[in-house]
Amino acid sequence: MFRRKKKDDEPTDAPAVPAAAEAAQSEAFAEPAATTEPAAVTEATAADSSAAKAGDSKATSGKRRGNRVQKVGTVSSDKMTKTVVVRVDRLVLHPKYRRYVRRTSKFMAHDDLGATTGDRVRIVETRPLSANKRWRVVEIVQKAAK
């Protein structure tokens, strides 16, 4: 019923791949060293580099923001000024009993939208705004029933 973890020295069910076959596969997916580019691609690359030299903010910015962590939760408190406490529930598989258990996390989030208690909101991770606030409310998904 329960599976035990395999150790490193145990054989696996997958067939062993010889080293020569691995090298052939990696060469098949590798890019060729010398490729001939069409003139249109070369001109486009030259145009991009000239835009970067001209001071285009998007072209010169080396750092791009990645996808920030987003969570959806329920506002449990709105008693602070421009700050709400958001309760986020998640289901975790219990390691021993193999049943799903609800775990709750509470996050303090900056709120410019005016969310009230009971609202479903989407929060996004941001820079530290105070000692406890590292989240920001970006959307009110569903207003609370009155």
Protein backbone atom coordinates (compact mmCIF):
# COMPACT_ATOMS: atom_id res chain seq x y z
CA MET A 1 0.00 0.00 0.00
CA PHE A 2 2.77 2.42 0.93
CA ARG A 3 5.82 2.83 -1.22
CA ARG A 4 9.21 3.04 0.34
CA LYS A 5 11.85 5.39 -1.00
CA LYS A 6 14.46 3.89 -3.30
CA LYS A 7 18.07 4.13 -2.29
CA ASP A 8 20.83 5.31 -4.62
CA ASP A 9 22.40 1.87 -5.00
CA GLU A 10 19.15 0.10 -5.94
CA PRO A 11 18.52 -0.56 -9.64
CA THR A 12 15.68 1.30 -11.29
CA ASP A 13 13.08 -0.03 -13.71
CA ALA A 14 14.27 2.26 -16.51
CA PRO A 15 16.77 0.74 -18.95
CA ALA A 16 20.32 1.97 -18.70
CA VAL A 17 21.42 4.34 -21.46
CA PRO A 18 24.99 3.83 -22.70
CA ALA A 19 27.34 6.83 -22.55
CA ALA A 20 27.75 6.85 -26.34
CA ALA A 21 23.98 7.16 -26.81
CA GLU A 22 23.84 10.06 -24.31
CA ALA A 23 26.60 11.89 -26.22
CA ALA A 24 24.76 11.37 -29.51
CA GLN A 25 21.52 12.72 -28.01
CA SER A 26 23.22 15.80 -26.54
CA GLU A 27 24.88 16.52 -29.90
CA ALA A 28 21.54 16.21 -31.66
CA PHE A 29 19.99 18.90 -29.46
CA ALA A 30 23.03 21.20 -29.43
CA GLU A 31 23.08 24.20 -31.74
CA PRO A 32 25.52 24.07 -34.62
CA ALA A 33 28.68 26.11 -34.00
CA ALA A 34 28.71 28.05 -37.28
CA THR A 35 25.40 29.03 -38.78
CA THR A 36 24.70 31.36 -41.64
CA GLU A 37 22.12 34.01 -40.77
CA PRO A 38 19.94 35.71 -43.35
CA ALA A 39 20.58 39.39 -43.96
CA ALA A 40 17.18 40.34 -42.48
CA VAL A 41 18.08 38.82 -39.13
CA THR A 42 21.43 40.61 -39.11
CA GLU A 43 19.72 43.93 -39.87
CA ALA A 44 17.19 43.37 -37.08
CA THR A 45 20.00 42.66 -34.63
CA ALA A 46 21.77 45.86 -35.70
CA ALA A 47 18.53 47.82 -35.20
CA ASP A 48 18.13 46.37 -31.69
CA SER A 49 21.67 47.31 -30.73
CA SER A 50 21.20 50.86 -32.05
CA ALA A 51 17.99 51.18 -30.00
CA ALA A 52 19.95 50.08 -26.94
CA LYS A 53 22.58 52.73 -27.62
CA ALA A 54 19.87 55.39 -28.05
CA GLY A 55 18.83 54.89 -24.42
CA ASP A 56 15.65 52.84 -24.76
CA SER A 57 14.73 51.96 -21.16
CA LYS A 58 13.44 48.46 -21.94
CA ALA A 59 16.42 47.56 -24.10
CA THR A 60 19.04 48.75 -21.62
CA SER A 61 17.49 47.36 -18.45
CA GLY A 62 19.49 44.25 -17.65
CA LYS A 63 17.12 43.25 -14.84
CA ARG A 64 13.62 42.15 -15.67
CA ARG A 65 11.01 41.31 -13.11
CA GLY A 66 10.17 37.66 -13.07
CA ASN A 67 6.76 36.27 -12.31
CA ARG A 68 5.96 37.29 -8.78
CA VAL A 69 4.22 34.91 -6.40
CA GLN A 70 0.46 35.44 -6.30
CA LYS A 71 -1.99 34.03 -3.78
CA VAL A 72 -5.75 34.25 -3.39
CA GLY A 73 -7.19 34.47 0.09
CA THR A 74 -9.89 35.91 2.32
CA VAL A 75 -9.53 39.18 4.21
CA SER A 76 -9.79 38.37 7.91
CA SER A 77 -9.06 41.85 9.31
CA ASP A 78 -9.17 45.36 7.92
CA LYS A 79 -8.79 47.38 11.14
CA MET A 80 -5.44 48.91 10.20
CA THR A 81 -4.97 51.88 7.90
CA LYS A 82 -4.21 50.72 4.33
CA THR A 83 -3.34 47.24 5.62
CA VAL A 84 -5.37 44.04 5.59
CA VAL A 85 -4.69 40.59 6.99
CA VAL A 86 -5.31 37.92 4.34
CA ARG A 87 -5.92 34.29 5.27
CA VAL A 88 -4.73 31.82 2.61
CA ASP A 89 -5.83 28.19 2.90
CA ARG A 90 -4.07 25.28 1.21
CA LEU A 91 -4.52 21.52 1.30
CA VAL A 92 -1.53 19.39 2.28
CA LEU A 93 -1.30 15.61 2.05
CA HIS A 94 -0.64 14.17 5.51
CA PRO A 95 2.55 12.07 5.35
CA LYS A 96 1.28 9.25 7.58
CA TYR A 97 -2.48 9.12 7.10
CA ARG A 98 -2.55 10.08 3.39
CA ARG A 99 -5.48 12.43 3.92
CA TYR A 100 -5.65 16.08 2.93
CA VAL A 101 -5.34 18.51 5.83
CA ARG A 102 -6.13 22.23 5.58
CA ARG A 103 -3.26 24.54 6.47
CA THR A 104 -3.79 28.29 6.94
CA SER A 105 -1.27 31.10 6.50
CA LYS A 106 -1.89 34.74 7.35
CA PHE A 107 -0.25 37.54 5.40
CA MET A 108 -0.32 41.27 6.01
CA ALA A 109 -0.87 43.11 2.73
CA HIS A 110 -0.90 46.75 1.65
CA ASP A 111 -4.38 47.71 0.47
CA ASP A 112 -5.10 50.75 -1.71
CA LEU A 113 -8.30 49.24 -3.15
CA GLY A 114 -10.35 49.30 0.06
CA ALA A 115 -10.95 45.60 0.72
CA THR A 116 -13.17 44.75 3.68
CA THR A 117 -13.51 41.70 5.91
CA GLY A 118 -14.77 38.66 4.02
CA ASP A 119 -13.58 39.79 0.56
CA ARG A 120 -11.65 37.35 -1.64
CA VAL A 121 -8.51 39.15 -2.80
CA ARG A 122 -5.46 38.40 -4.91
CA ILE A 123 -2.17 39.42 -3.29
CA VAL A 124 1.25 39.64 -4.91
CA GLU A 125 4.69 39.46 -3.36
CA THR A 126 6.56 42.78 -3.16
CA ARG A 127 9.47 44.46 -1.42
CA PRO A 128 9.24 44.89 2.37
CA LEU A 129 6.82 47.74 3.08
CA SER A 130 7.04 47.56 6.89
CA ALA A 131 8.20 45.17 9.56
CA ASN A 132 5.52 42.62 8.67
CA LYS A 133 4.14 43.67 5.26
CA ARG A 134 5.63 41.98 2.18
CA TRP A 135 2.47 41.64 0.10
CA ARG A 136 0.20 43.99 -1.86
CA VAL A 137 -3.47 43.63 -2.81
CA VAL A 138 -3.77 43.79 -6.61
CA GLU A 139 -7.37 42.72 -7.15
CA ILE A 140 -10.59 42.15 -5.26
CA VAL A 141 -11.78 38.86 -6.72
CA GLN A 142 -15.15 38.73 -4.94
CA LYS A 143 -16.82 41.17 -2.57
CA ALA A 144 -18.19 39.84 0.71
CA ALA A 145 -21.90 39.11 0.94
CA LYS A 146 -23.62 41.69 3.11
